PDB file of N, CA and C in Angstrom:
ATOM      1  N   UNK A   1    -141.574  89.292  19.921  1.00  0.00           N
ATOM      2  CA  UNK A   1    -141.942  90.597  20.224  1.00  0.00           C
ATOM      3  C   UNK A   1    -140.795  91.417  20.513  1.00  0.00           C
ATOM      4  N   UNK A   2    -141.057  92.663  19.683  1.00  0.00           N
ATOM      5  CA  UNK A   2    -139.697  93.598  19.575  1.00  0.00           C
ATOM      6  C   UNK A   2    -139.352  94.164  21.032  1.00  0.00           C
ATOM      7  N   UNK A   3    -138.453  94.752  21.034  1.00  0.00           N
ATOM      8  CA  UNK A   3    -137.804  95.360  22.309  1.00  0.00           C
ATOM      9  C   UNK A   3    -138.567  96.657  22.311  1.00  0.00           C
ATOM     10  N   UNK A   4    -139.322  97.204  21.686  1.00  0.00           N
ATOM     11  CA  UNK A   4    -140.019  98.601  22.240  1.00  0.00           C
ATOM     12  C   UNK A   4    -141.429  98.097  22.440  1.00  0.00           C
ATOM     13  N   UNK A   5    -141.968  97.118  21.837  1.00  0.00           N
ATOM     14  CA  UNK A   5    -143.451  96.845  22.102  1.00  0.00           C
ATOM     15  C   UNK A   5    -143.635  96.272  23.423  1.00  0.00           C
ATOM     16  N   UNK A   6    -144.907  96.695  23.959  1.00  0.00           N
ATOM     17  CA  UNK A   6    -145.165  96.214  25.523  1.00  0.00           C
ATOM     18  C   UNK A   6    -145.831  94.864  25.299  1.00  0.00           C
ATOM     19  N   UNK A   7    -145.293  93.941  26.269  1.00  0.00           N
ATOM     20  CA  UNK A   7    -145.936  92.603  26.000  1.00  0.00           C
ATOM     21  C   UNK A   7    -147.527  92.623  26.374  1.00  0.00           C
ATOM     22  N   UNK A   8    -148.174  91.894  25.501  1.00  0.00           N
ATOM     23  CA  UNK A   8    -149.717  91.819  25.365  1.00  0.00           C
ATOM     24  C   UNK A   8    -150.172  90.544  26.245  1.00  0.00           C
ATOM     25  N   UNK A   9    -150.994  90.822  27.085  1.00  0.00           N
ATOM     26  CA  UNK A   9    -151.724  89.807  27.912  1.00  0.00           C
ATOM     27  C   UNK A   9    -153.083  89.449  27.440  1.00  0.00           C
ATOM     28  N   UNK A  10    -153.465  88.196  27.301  1.00  0.00           N
ATOM     29  CA  UNK A  10    -154.783  87.800  27.047  1.00  0.00           C
ATOM     30  C   UNK A  10    -155.491  87.416  28.497  1.00  0.00           C
ATOM     31  N   UNK A  11    -156.271  88.436  28.870  1.00  0.00           N
ATOM     32  CA  UNK A  11    -156.991  88.029  30.230  1.00  0.00           C
ATOM     33  C   UNK A  11    -158.265  87.195  29.918  1.00  0.00           C
ATOM     34  N   UNK A  12    -158.467  86.273  30.587  1.00  0.00           N
ATOM     35  CA  UNK A  12    -159.920  85.593  30.302  1.00  0.00           C
ATOM     36  C   UNK A  12    -160.316  85.309  31.727  1.00  0.00           C
ATOM     37  N   UNK A  13    -161.546  86.257  32.037  1.00  0.00           N
ATOM     38  CA  UNK A  13    -162.104  86.437  33.303  1.00  0.00           C
ATOM     39  C   UNK A  13    -163.529  86.523  33.030  1.00  0.00           C
ATOM     40  N   UNK A  14    -164.478  85.787  33.619  1.00  0.00           N
ATOM     41  CA  UNK A  14    -165.977  86.169  33.377  1.00  0.00           C
ATOM     42  C   UNK A  14    -166.574  87.300  34.575  1.00  0.00           C
ATOM     43  N   UNK A  15    -165.805  87.521  35.669  1.00  0.00           N
ATOM     44  CA  UNK A  15    -166.129  88.647  36.603  1.00  0.00           C
ATOM     45  C   UNK A  15    -165.993  89.643  36.047  1.00  0.00           C
ATOM     46  N   UNK A  16    -166.821  90.694  35.435  1.00  0.00           N
ATOM     47  CA  UNK A  16    -166.357  91.805  34.709  1.00  0.00           C
ATOM     48  C   UNK A  16    -165.762  92.891  35.583  1.00  0.00           C
ATOM     49  N   UNK A  17    -165.951  93.027  36.827  1.00  0.00           N
ATOM     50  CA  UNK A  17    -165.421  93.947  37.888  1.00  0.00           C
ATOM     51  C   UNK A  17    -163.956  93.503  37.866  1.00  0.00           C
ATOM     52  N   UNK A  18    -163.771  92.134  38.137  1.00  0.00           N
ATOM     53  CA  UNK A  18    -162.370  91.882  38.445  1.00  0.00           C
ATOM     54  C   UNK A  18    -161.524  92.184  37.012  1.00  0.00           C
ATOM     55  N   UNK A  19    -162.179  91.660  35.970  1.00  0.00           N
ATOM     56  CA  UNK A  19    -161.569  92.033  34.647  1.00  0.00           C
ATOM     57  C   UNK A  19    -160.955  93.214  34.260  1.00  0.00           C
ATOM     58  N   UNK A  20    -161.927  94.387  34.721  1.00  0.00           N
ATOM     59  CA  UNK A  20    -161.619  95.564  34.540  1.00  0.00           C
ATOM     60  C   UNK A  20    -160.710  96.161  35.411  1.00  0.00           C
ATOM     61  N   UNK A  21    -160.876  95.916  36.902  1.00  0.00           N
ATOM     62  CA  UNK A  21    -159.759  96.032  37.679  1.00  0.00           C
ATOM     63  C   UNK A  21    -158.174  95.373  37.279  1.00  0.00           C
ATOM     64  N   UNK A  22    -158.126  94.498  37.180  1.00  0.00           N
ATOM     65  CA  UNK A  22    -156.975  93.678  36.649  1.00  0.00           C
ATOM     66  C   UNK A  22    -156.301  94.362  35.437  1.00  0.00           C
ATOM     67  N   UNK A  23    -157.244  94.463  34.501  1.00  0.00           N
ATOM     68  CA  UNK A  23    -156.926  95.127  33.123  1.00  0.00           C
ATOM     69  C   UNK A  23    -156.105  96.364  33.572  1.00  0.00           C
ATOM     70  N   UNK A  24    -156.842  97.410  34.189  1.00  0.00           N
ATOM     71  CA  UNK A  24    -156.345  98.689  34.694  1.00  0.00           C
ATOM     72  C   UNK A  24    -154.850  98.522  35.455  1.00  0.00           C
ATOM     73  N   UNK A  25    -154.816  97.676  36.045  1.00  0.00           N
ATOM     74  CA  UNK A  25    -153.358  97.391  36.887  1.00  0.00           C
ATOM     75  C   UNK A  25    -152.370  96.858  35.898  1.00  0.00           C
ATOM     76  N   UNK A  26    -152.739  95.974  35.137  1.00  0.00           N
ATOM     77  CA  UNK A  26    -151.733  95.547  33.981  1.00  0.00           C
ATOM     78  C   UNK A  26    -151.446  96.690  33.116  1.00  0.00           C
ATOM     79  N   UNK A  27    -152.453  97.617  32.539  1.00  0.00           N
ATOM     80  CA  UNK A  27    -152.087  98.700  31.639  1.00  0.00           C
ATOM     81  C   UNK A  27    -151.375  99.674  32.503  1.00  0.00           C
ATOM     82  N   UNK A  28    -151.441 100.062  33.769  1.00  0.00           N
ATOM     83  CA  UNK A  28    -150.559 100.769  34.484  1.00  0.00           C
ATOM     84  C   UNK A  28    -149.241 100.433  34.552  1.00  0.00           C
ATOM     85  N   UNK A  29    -149.066  99.171  34.568  1.00  0.00           N
ATOM     86  CA  UNK A  29    -147.770  98.425  34.633  1.00  0.00           C
ATOM     87  C   UNK A  29    -147.103  98.395  33.332  1.00  0.00           C
ATOM     88  N   UNK A  30    -147.804  98.863  32.233  1.00  0.00           N
ATOM     89  CA  UNK A  30    -147.154  98.728  31.036  1.00  0.00           C
ATOM     90  C   UNK A  30    -147.511  97.856  29.993  1.00  0.00           C
ATOM     91  N   UNK A  31    -148.161  96.830  30.275  1.00  0.00           N
ATOM     92  CA  UNK A  31    -148.866  95.675  29.410  1.00  0.00           C
ATOM     93  C   UNK A  31    -149.786  96.188  28.583  1.00  0.00           C
ATOM     94  N   UNK A  32    -150.209  95.608  27.428  1.00  0.00           N
ATOM     95  CA  UNK A  32    -151.219  95.714  26.782  1.00  0.00           C
ATOM     96  C   UNK A  32    -152.219  94.511  26.954  1.00  0.00           C
ATOM     97  N   UNK A  33    -153.351  94.798  27.117  1.00  0.00           N
ATOM     98  CA  UNK A  33    -154.420  93.836  27.516  1.00  0.00           C
ATOM     99  C   UNK A  33    -155.402  93.403  26.609  1.00  0.00           C
ATOM    100  N   UNK A  34    -155.613  92.420  26.412  1.00  0.00           N
ATOM    101  CA  UNK A  34    -156.844  92.070  25.435  1.00  0.00           C
ATOM    102  C   UNK A  34    -157.557  91.148  26.515  1.00  0.00           C
ATOM    103  N   UNK A  35    -159.068  91.543  26.319  1.00  0.00           N
ATOM    104  CA  UNK A  35    -159.945  90.791  27.209  1.00  0.00           C
ATOM    105  C   UNK A  35    -160.960  89.727  26.592  1.00  0.00           C
ATOM    106  N   UNK A  36    -161.159  88.681  27.256  1.00  0.00           N
ATOM    107  CA  UNK A  36    -162.346  87.748  26.979  1.00  0.00           C
ATOM    108  C   UNK A  36    -162.901  87.086  28.155  1.00  0.00           C
ATOM    109  N   UNK A  37    -164.389  86.949  28.069  1.00  0.00           N
ATOM    110  CA  UNK A  37    -165.048  86.708  29.032  1.00  0.00           C
ATOM    111  C   UNK A  37    -165.350  85.054  29.023  1.00  0.00           C
ATOM    112  N   UNK A  38    -164.986  84.539  27.999  1.00  0.00           N
ATOM    113  CA  UNK A  38    -165.133  83.088  27.596  1.00  0.00           C
ATOM    114  C   UNK A  38    -163.988  82.659  27.139  1.00  0.00           C
ATOM    115  N   UNK A  39    -163.680  81.135  27.148  1.00  0.00           N
ATOM    116  CA  UNK A  39    -162.521  80.487  26.482  1.00  0.00           C
ATOM    117  C   UNK A  39    -162.797  80.704  25.003  1.00  0.00           C
ATOM    118  N   UNK A  40    -164.005  80.497  24.460  1.00  0.00           N
ATOM    119  CA  UNK A  40    -164.605  80.511  23.059  1.00  0.00           C
ATOM    120  C   UNK A  40    -163.729  81.871  22.401  1.00  0.00           C
ATOM    121  N   UNK A  41    -164.245  82.773  23.103  1.00  0.00           N
ATOM    122  CA  UNK A  41    -163.853  84.287  22.657  1.00  0.00           C
ATOM    123  C   UNK A  41    -162.300  84.349  22.644  1.00  0.00           C
ATOM    124  N   UNK A  42    -161.491  83.700  23.666  1.00  0.00           N
ATOM    125  CA  UNK A  42    -160.301  83.652  24.024  1.00  0.00           C
ATOM    126  C   UNK A  42    -159.513  83.152  22.650  1.00  0.00           C
ATOM    127  N   UNK A  43    -160.138  81.774  22.310  1.00  0.00           N
ATOM    128  CA  UNK A  43    -159.676  81.014  20.984  1.00  0.00           C
ATOM    129  C   UNK A  43    -159.707  81.554  20.009  1.00  0.00           C
ATOM    130  N   UNK A  44    -160.755  82.608  19.769  1.00  0.00           N
ATOM    131  CA  UNK A  44    -161.115  83.485  18.416  1.00  0.00           C
ATOM    132  C   UNK A  44    -159.841  84.392  18.252  1.00  0.00           C
ATOM    133  N   UNK A  45    -159.499  85.064  19.474  1.00  0.00           N
ATOM    134  CA  UNK A  45    -158.413  85.991  19.766  1.00  0.00           C
ATOM    135  C   UNK A  45    -157.256  85.327  19.350  1.00  0.00           C
ATOM    136  N   UNK A  46    -156.768  84.223  19.893  1.00  0.00           N
ATOM    137  CA  UNK A  46    -155.524  83.473  19.714  1.00  0.00           C
ATOM    138  C   UNK A  46    -155.295  83.114  18.310  1.00  0.00           C
ATOM    139  N   UNK A  47    -156.650  82.889  17.396  1.00  0.00           N
ATOM    140  CA  UNK A  47    -156.620  82.517  16.078  1.00  0.00           C
ATOM    141  C   UNK A  47    -156.281  83.790  15.164  1.00  0.00           C
ATOM    142  N   UNK A  48    -156.681  84.711  15.605  1.00  0.00           N
ATOM    143  CA  UNK A  48    -156.617  86.138  14.773  1.00  0.00           C
ATOM    144  C   UNK A  48    -155.737  87.210  15.134  1.00  0.00           C
ATOM    145  N   UNK A  49    -155.345  87.046  16.276  1.00  0.00           N
ATOM    146  CA  UNK A  49    -154.390  88.419  16.906  1.00  0.00           C
ATOM    147  C   UNK A  49    -153.155  87.791  16.714  1.00  0.00           C
ATOM    148  N   UNK A  50    -152.143  88.550  16.298  1.00  0.00           N
ATOM    149  CA  UNK A  50    -150.845  87.792  15.888  1.00  0.00           C
ATOM    150  C   UNK A  50    -149.961  88.085  17.263  1.00  0.00           C
ATOM    151  N   UNK A  51    -150.292  89.326  18.182  1.00  0.00           N
ATOM    152  CA  UNK A  51    -149.438  89.376  19.248  1.00  0.00           C
ATOM    153  C   UNK A  51    -150.152  89.132  20.711  1.00  0.00           C
ATOM    154  N   UNK A  52    -149.917  87.892  20.984  1.00  0.00           N
ATOM    155  CA  UNK A  52    -150.281  87.596  22.493  1.00  0.00           C
ATOM    156  C   UNK A  52    -148.971  86.928  23.416  1.00  0.00           C
ATOM    157  N   UNK A  53    -148.435  87.437  24.243  1.00  0.00           N
ATOM    158  CA  UNK A  53    -147.395  86.948  24.699  1.00  0.00           C
ATOM    159  C   UNK A  53    -147.473  86.239  26.049  1.00  0.00           C
ATOM    160  N   UNK A  54    -148.872  86.292  26.713  1.00  0.00           N
ATOM    161  CA  UNK A  54    -149.068  85.389  27.969  1.00  0.00           C
ATOM    162  C   UNK A  54    -150.521  85.315  27.815  1.00  0.00           C
ATOM    163  N   UNK A  55    -151.180  84.039  28.238  1.00  0.00           N
ATOM    164  CA  UNK A  55    -152.432  83.759  28.732  1.00  0.00           C
ATOM    165  C   UNK A  55    -152.678  83.740  30.025  1.00  0.00           C
ATOM    166  N   UNK A  56    -153.470  84.753  30.553  1.00  0.00           N
ATOM    167  CA  UNK A  56    -154.059  84.645  31.911  1.00  0.00           C
ATOM    168  C   UNK A  56    -155.322  84.083  31.992  1.00  0.00           C
ATOM    169  N   UNK A  57    -155.469  83.301  32.733  1.00  0.00           N
ATOM    170  CA  UNK A  57    -157.216  82.596  32.467  1.00  0.00           C
ATOM    171  C   UNK A  57    -157.711  82.196  33.788  1.00  0.00           C
ATOM    172  N   UNK A  58    -158.604  82.587  34.138  1.00  0.00           N
ATOM    173  CA  UNK A  58    -159.557  81.715  35.191  1.00  0.00           C
ATOM    174  C   UNK A  58    -159.992  80.384  34.874  1.00  0.00           C
ATOM    175  N   UNK A  59    -160.124  79.593  35.926  1.00  0.00           N
ATOM    176  CA  UNK A  59    -160.588  78.015  35.475  1.00  0.00           C
ATOM    177  C   UNK A  59    -161.577  77.874  35.161  1.00  0.00           C
ATOM    178  N   UNK A  60    -162.654  78.670  36.015  1.00  0.00           N
ATOM    179  CA  UNK A  60    -164.097  78.371  36.153  1.00  0.00           C
ATOM    180  C   UNK A  60    -164.590  79.360  35.045  1.00  0.00           C
ATOM    181  N   UNK A  61    -165.280  78.974  33.919  1.00  0.00           N
ATOM    182  CA  UNK A  61    -165.510  79.739  32.925  1.00  0.00           C
ATOM    183  C   UNK A  61    -167.010  79.413  32.389  1.00  0.00           C
ATOM    184  N   UNK A  62    -167.679  80.338  31.793  1.00  0.00           N
ATOM    185  CA  UNK A  62    -168.984  79.900  31.286  1.00  0.00           C
ATOM    186  C   UNK A  62    -168.707  79.246  29.766  1.00  0.00           C
ATOM    187  N   UNK A  63    -169.495  78.694  29.212  1.00  0.00           N
ATOM    188  CA  UNK A  63    -169.383  78.021  27.840  1.00  0.00           C
ATOM    189  C   UNK A  63    -168.974  76.624  27.992  1.00  0.00           C
ATOM    190  N   UNK A  64    -168.503  76.265  26.915  1.00  0.00           N
ATOM    191  CA  UNK A  64    -168.153  75.071  26.796  1.00  0.00           C
ATOM    192  C   UNK A  64    -166.780  74.297  27.205  1.00  0.00           C
ATOM    193  N   UNK A  65    -165.914  75.341  27.519  1.00  0.00           N
ATOM    194  CA  UNK A  65    -164.455  75.080  27.900  1.00  0.00           C
ATOM    195  C   UNK A  65    -164.098  75.663  29.365  1.00  0.00           C
ATOM    196  N   UNK A  66    -163.422  75.157  30.119  1.00  0.00           N
ATOM    197  CA  UNK A  66    -162.919  75.465  31.385  1.00  0.00           C
ATOM    198  C   UNK A  66    -161.311  76.049  31.052  1.00  0.00           C
ATOM    199  N   UNK A  67    -160.998  76.843  31.943  1.00  0.00           N
ATOM    200  CA  UNK A  67    -159.529  77.369  31.692  1.00  0.00           C
ATOM    201  C   UNK A  67    -158.390  76.492  31.602  1.00  0.00           C
ATOM    202  N   UNK A  68    -158.522  74.996  32.185  1.00  0.00           N
ATOM    203  CA  UNK A  68    -157.691  74.030  31.804  1.00  0.00           C
ATOM    204  C   UNK A  68    -157.812  73.669  30.338  1.00  0.00           C
ATOM    205  N   UNK A  69    -158.877  73.595  29.934  1.00  0.00           N
ATOM    206  CA  UNK A  69    -159.175  73.057  28.433  1.00  0.00           C
ATOM    207  C   UNK A  69    -158.555  74.246  27.439  1.00  0.00           C
ATOM    208  N   UNK A  70    -158.991  75.462  27.869  1.00  0.00           N
ATOM    209  CA  UNK A  70    -158.424  76.595  27.114  1.00  0.00           C
ATOM    210  C   UNK A  70    -157.090  76.588  27.057  1.00  0.00           C
ATOM    211  N   UNK A  71    -156.211  76.325  28.025  1.00  0.00           N
ATOM    212  CA  UNK A  71    -154.747  76.480  27.875  1.00  0.00           C
ATOM    213  C   UNK A  71    -154.092  75.331  27.133  1.00  0.00           C
ATOM    214  N   UNK A  72    -154.716  74.111  27.116  1.00  0.00           N
ATOM    215  CA  UNK A  72    -154.482  73.066  26.396  1.00  0.00           C
ATOM    216  C   UNK A  72    -154.620  73.372  24.962  1.00  0.00           C
ATOM    217  N   UNK A  73    -155.854  74.074  24.532  1.00  0.00           N
ATOM    218  CA  UNK A  73    -156.302  74.156  23.267  1.00  0.00           C
ATOM    219  C   UNK A  73    -155.122  75.259  22.744  1.00  0.00           C
ATOM    220  N   UNK A  74    -154.974  76.407  23.497  1.00  0.00           N
ATOM    221  CA  UNK A  74    -154.194  77.499  23.102  1.00  0.00           C
ATOM    222  C   UNK A  74    -152.908  77.028  22.736  1.00  0.00           C
ATOM    223  N   UNK A  75    -152.298  76.042  23.540  1.00  0.00           N
ATOM    224  CA  UNK A  75    -151.203  75.368  23.294  1.00  0.00           C
ATOM    225  C   UNK A  75    -150.784  74.774  22.086  1.00  0.00           C
ATOM    226  N   UNK A  76    -152.043  74.101  21.536  1.00  0.00           N
ATOM    227  CA  UNK A  76    -151.919  73.482  20.213  1.00  0.00           C
ATOM    228  C   UNK A  76    -151.628  74.239  18.964  1.00  0.00           C
ATOM    229  N   UNK A  77    -152.421  75.763  19.257  1.00  0.00           N
ATOM    230  CA  UNK A  77    -152.115  76.884  18.364  1.00  0.00           C
ATOM    231  C   UNK A  77    -150.726  77.603  18.545  1.00  0.00           C
ATOM    232  N   UNK A  78    -150.279  77.796  19.909  1.00  0.00           N
ATOM    233  CA  UNK A  78    -149.107  78.699  20.134  1.00  0.00           C
ATOM    234  C   UNK A  78    -148.373  77.788  21.204  1.00  0.00           C
ATOM    235  N   UNK A  79    -147.298  76.790  20.861  1.00  0.00           N
ATOM    236  CA  UNK A  79    -146.800  75.847  21.551  1.00  0.00           C
ATOM    237  C   UNK A  79    -146.000  76.431  22.880  1.00  0.00           C
ATOM    238  N   UNK A  80    -145.475  77.809  22.494  1.00  0.00           N
ATOM    239  CA  UNK A  80    -144.741  78.342  23.471  1.00  0.00           C
ATOM    240  C   UNK A  80    -145.205  79.328  24.115  1.00  0.00           C
ATOM    241  N   UNK A  81    -146.731  79.344  24.322  1.00  0.00           N
ATOM    242  CA  UNK A  81    -147.481  80.542  24.977  1.00  0.00           C
ATOM    243  C   UNK A  81    -147.245  80.083  26.428  1.00  0.00           C
ATOM    244  N   UNK A  82    -146.811  81.242  27.261  1.00  0.00           N
ATOM    245  CA  UNK A  82    -146.946  80.949  28.457  1.00  0.00           C
ATOM    246  C   UNK A  82    -148.236  81.178  29.030  1.00  0.00           C
ATOM    247  N   UNK A  83    -148.655  80.383  30.129  1.00  0.00           N
ATOM    248  CA  UNK A  83    -150.016  80.273  30.824  1.00  0.00           C
ATOM    249  C   UNK A  83    -149.978  80.631  32.300  1.00  0.00           C
ATOM    250  N   UNK A  84    -150.827  81.629  32.847  1.00  0.00           N
ATOM    251  CA  UNK A  84    -150.794  81.731  34.180  1.00  0.00           C
ATOM    252  C   UNK A  84    -152.520  81.489  34.337  1.00  0.00           C
ATOM    253  N   UNK A  85    -152.796  80.576  35.403  1.00  0.00           N
ATOM    254  CA  UNK A  85    -153.988  80.197  35.797  1.00  0.00           C
ATOM    255  C   UNK A  85    -154.257  81.066  36.913  1.00  0.00           C
ATOM    256  N   UNK A  86    -155.648  81.107  37.175  1.00  0.00           N
ATOM    257  CA  UNK A  86    -156.248  81.569  38.414  1.00  0.00           C
ATOM    258  C   UNK A  86    -157.543  81.115  38.742  1.00  0.00           C
ATOM    259  N   UNK A  87    -157.779  80.745  40.113  1.00  0.00           N
ATOM    260  CA  UNK A  87    -159.081  80.289  40.663  1.00  0.00           C
ATOM    261  C   UNK A  87    -159.043  80.633  42.058  1.00  0.00           C
ATOM    262  N   UNK A  88    -160.669  80.781  42.467  1.00  0.00           N
ATOM    263  CA  UNK A  88    -160.675  80.766  43.960  1.00  0.00           C
ATOM    264  C   UNK A  88    -161.257  79.389  44.250  1.00  0.00           C
ATOM    265  N   UNK A  89    -161.890  78.549  43.550  1.00  0.00           N
ATOM    266  CA  UNK A  89    -162.360  77.434  43.619  1.00  0.00           C
ATOM    267  C   UNK A  89    -162.484  76.527  42.523  1.00  0.00           C
ATOM    268  N   UNK A  90    -162.251  75.510  42.582  1.00  0.00           N
ATOM    269  CA  UNK A  90    -162.238  74.404  41.518  1.00  0.00           C
ATOM    270  C   UNK A  90    -162.492  72.776  42.030  1.00  0.00           C
ATOM    271  N   UNK A  91    -163.406  72.209  41.682  1.00  0.00           N
ATOM    272  CA  UNK A  91    -163.718  70.865  42.043  1.00  0.00           C
ATOM    273  C   UNK A  91    -162.591  69.973  41.115  1.00  0.00           C
ATOM    274  N   UNK A  92    -162.352  70.353  40.052  1.00  0.00           N
ATOM    275  CA  UNK A  92    -161.304  69.555  39.019  1.00  0.00           C
ATOM    276  C   UNK A  92    -159.970  69.561  39.787  1.00  0.00           C
ATOM    277  N   UNK A  93    -159.201  68.284  39.289  1.00  0.00           N
ATOM    278  CA  UNK A  93    -157.810  68.276  39.875  1.00  0.00           C
ATOM    279  C   UNK A  93    -157.151  69.358  38.872  1.00  0.00           C
ATOM    280  N   UNK A  94    -156.203  70.027  39.385  1.00  0.00           N
ATOM    281  CA  UNK A  94    -155.315  70.895  38.533  1.00  0.00           C
ATOM    282  C   UNK A  94    -154.498  70.261  37.455  1.00  0.00           C
ATOM    283  N   UNK A  95    -154.655  70.865  36.271  1.00  0.00           N
ATOM    284  CA  UNK A  95    -154.051  70.086  34.999  1.00  0.00           C
ATOM    285  C   UNK A  95    -153.050  71.112  34.360  1.00  0.00           C
ATOM    286  N   UNK A  96    -152.047  71.663  35.039  1.00  0.00           N
ATOM    287  CA  UNK A  96    -151.206  72.500  34.871  1.00  0.00           C
ATOM    288  C   UNK A  96    -150.554  72.003  33.520  1.00  0.00           C
ATOM    289  N   UNK A  97    -150.406  72.796  32.491  1.00  0.00           N
ATOM    290  CA  UNK A  97    -149.462  72.561  31.287  1.00  0.00           C
ATOM    291  C   UNK A  97    -148.029  73.027  31.671  1.00  0.00           C
ATOM    292  N   UNK A  98    -147.129  72.252  31.137  1.00  0.00           N
ATOM    293  CA  UNK A  98    -145.564  72.870  31.217  1.00  0.00           C
ATOM    294  C   UNK A  98    -145.439  74.255  30.889  1.00  0.00           C
ATOM    295  N   UNK A  99    -144.626  74.763  31.814  1.00  0.00           N
ATOM    296  CA  UNK A  99    -144.164  76.141  31.786  1.00  0.00           C
ATOM    297  C   UNK A  99    -145.306  77.148  32.142  1.00  0.00           C
ATOM    298  N   UNK A 100    -146.103  76.608  33.175  1.00  0.00           N
ATOM    299  CA  UNK A 100    -147.405  77.435  33.634  1.00  0.00           C
ATOM    300  C   UNK A 100    -147.226  78.047  35.096  1.00  0.00           C
ATOM    301  N   UNK A 101    -147.894  78.827  35.566  1.00  0.00           N
ATOM    302  CA  UNK A 101    -148.223  79.040  36.886  1.00  0.00           C
ATOM    303  C   UNK A 101    -149.467  79.346  37.349  1.00  0.00           C
ATOM    304  N   UNK A 102    -149.752  78.937  38.469  1.00  0.00           N
ATOM    305  CA  UNK A 102    -151.139  78.990  39.085  1.00  0.00           C
ATOM    306  C   UNK A 102    -151.217  79.980  40.471  1.00  0.00           C
ATOM    307  N   UNK A 103    -152.149  81.025  40.393  1.00  0.00           N
ATOM    308  CA  UNK A 103    -152.276  81.754  41.179  1.00  0.00           C
ATOM    309  C   UNK A 103    -153.600  81.404  41.921  1.00  0.00           C
ATOM    310  N   UNK A 104    -153.931  81.633  43.301  1.00  0.00           N
ATOM    311  CA  UNK A 104    -155.013  81.230  44.010  1.00  0.00           C
ATOM    312  C   UNK A 104    -155.564  82.656  44.227  1.00  0.00           C
ATOM    313  N   UNK A 105    -157.246  82.981  43.879  1.00  0.00           N
ATOM    314  CA  UNK A 105    -157.850  83.875  44.148  1.00  0.00           C
ATOM    315  C   UNK A 105    -158.200  84.246  45.647  1.00  0.00           C
ATOM    316  N   UNK A 106    -158.118  85.260  46.446  1.00  0.00           N
ATOM    317  CA  UNK A 106    -157.659  86.415  45.704  1.00  0.00           C
ATOM    318  C   UNK A 106    -156.213  86.776  45.364  1.00  0.00           C
ATOM    319  N   UNK A 107    -155.737  87.136  44.744  1.00  0.00           N
ATOM    320  CA  UNK A 107    -154.260  87.337  44.322  1.00  0.00           C
ATOM    321  C   UNK A 107    -154.044  88.746  44.378  1.00  0.00           C
ATOM    322  N   UNK A 108    -152.859  89.203  44.443  1.00  0.00           N
ATOM    323  CA  UNK A 108    -152.748  90.650  44.301  1.00  0.00           C
ATOM    324  C   UNK A 108    -151.942  90.876  43.014  1.00  0.00           C
ATOM    325  N   UNK A 109    -152.432  92.384  42.623  1.00  0.00           N
ATOM    326  CA  UNK A 109    -151.935  92.529  41.220  1.00  0.00           C
ATOM    327  C   UNK A 109    -150.370  92.372  41.059  1.00  0.00           C
ATOM    328  N   UNK A 110    -149.626  93.023  41.973  1.00  0.00           N
ATOM    329  CA  UNK A 110    -148.309  92.817  42.164  1.00  0.00           C
ATOM    330  C   UNK A 110    -147.830  91.343  41.675  1.00  0.00           C
ATOM    331  N   UNK A 111    -148.569  90.450  42.449  1.00  0.00           N
ATOM    332  CA  UNK A 111    -148.149  89.246  42.041  1.00  0.00           C
ATOM    333  C   UNK A 111    -148.289  88.568  40.520  1.00  0.00           C
ATOM    334  N   UNK A 112    -149.415  88.932  39.834  1.00  0.00           N
ATOM    335  CA  UNK A 112    -149.628  88.992  38.728  1.00  0.00           C
ATOM    336  C   UNK A 112    -148.612  89.572  37.898  1.00  0.00           C
ATOM    337  N   UNK A 113    -148.487  90.799  37.931  1.00  0.00           N
ATOM    338  CA  UNK A 113    -147.658  91.687  37.400  1.00  0.00           C
ATOM    339  C   UNK A 113    -146.125  90.969  37.250  1.00  0.00           C
ATOM    340  N   UNK A 114    -145.656  90.552  38.637  1.00  0.00           N
ATOM    341  CA  UNK A 114    -144.226  89.909  38.607  1.00  0.00           C
ATOM    342  C   UNK A 114    -144.198  88.561  37.888  1.00  0.00           C
ATOM    343  N   UNK A 115    -145.411  87.680  37.880  1.00  0.00           N
ATOM    344  CA  UNK A 115    -145.281  86.634  36.918  1.00  0.00           C
ATOM    345  C   UNK A 115    -145.226  86.800  35.510  1.00  0.00           C
ATOM    346  N   UNK A 116    -146.156  87.881  35.187  1.00  0.00           N
ATOM    347  CA  UNK A 116    -146.076  88.223  33.499  1.00  0.00           C
ATOM    348  C   UNK A 116    -144.677  88.896  33.232  1.00  0.00           C
ATOM    349  N   UNK A 117    -144.032  89.411  34.064  1.00  0.00           N
ATOM    350  CA  UNK A 117    -142.871  90.172  33.765  1.00  0.00           C
ATOM    351  C   UNK A 117    -141.715  88.906  33.631  1.00  0.00           C
ATOM    352  N   UNK A 118    -141.641  87.921  34.489  1.00  0.00           N
ATOM    353  CA  UNK A 118    -140.948  86.757  34.696  1.00  0.00           C
ATOM    354  C   UNK A 118    -141.050  86.163  33.085  1.00  0.00           C
ATOM    355  N   UNK A 119    -142.161  85.951  32.881  1.00  0.00           N
ATOM    356  CA  UNK A 119    -142.491  85.272  31.632  1.00  0.00           C
ATOM    357  C   UNK A 119    -142.265  86.213  30.201  1.00  0.00           C
ATOM    358  N   UNK A 120    -142.188  87.401  30.127  1.00  0.00           N
ATOM    359  CA  UNK A 120    -141.904  88.232  29.045  1.00  0.00           C
ATOM    360  C   UNK A 120    -140.597  89.039  28.738  1.00  0.00           C
ATOM    361  N   UNK A 121    -139.884  88.973  30.038  1.00  0.00           N
ATOM    362  CA  UNK A 121    -138.481  89.447  30.327  1.00  0.00           C
ATOM    363  C   UNK A 121    -137.738  88.565  29.657  1.00  0.00           C
ATOM    364  N   UNK A 122    -136.862  88.996  28.554  1.00  0.00           N
ATOM    365  CA  UNK A 122    -135.525  87.881  28.098  1.00  0.00           C
ATOM    366  C   UNK A 122    -134.808  87.692  29.097  1.00  0.00           C
ATOM    367  N   UNK A 123    -134.413  86.356  29.291  1.00  0.00           N
ATOM    368  CA  UNK A 123    -133.487  85.881  30.427  1.00  0.00           C
ATOM    369  C   UNK A 123    -131.925  86.614  30.253  1.00  0.00           C
ATOM    370  N   UNK A 124    -131.252  86.837  31.125  1.00  0.00           N
ATOM    371  CA  UNK A 124    -130.156  87.275  30.811  1.00  0.00           C
ATOM    372  C   UNK A 124    -129.002  86.091  30.991  1.00  0.00           C
ATOM    373  N   UNK A 125    -128.933  85.254  29.883  1.00  0.00           N
ATOM    374  CA  UNK A 125    -128.083  84.076  29.947  1.00  0.00           C
ATOM    375  C   UNK A 125    -126.863  84.623  29.511  1.00  0.00           C
TER     376      UNK A 125
END
């Protein structure tokens, strides 16, 4: 990511109202947002879109893949892609991949923005 480019977040959420509200919050905070309502659409974006800096995915999604499977598949395409998961309820045990973060719904936009910023800001080593 170039220094002048704003970080781009791929947000995968099937609740359209939540998708729109969080997208607006992220854009107000200076992020670019790509939207997907299913893991299949998200994978298509990951295959074709050059610039995705963070994957933010709900766990329970319509279609063939859930958020856990999406993150695992995304990492096969982009091994260093940071992942943030969110869910209000899941019956499946967490399968967090290395270098990921888990938020419980309802989460605050500020908490999400802080997490994305931590993943996209170069560390001051």
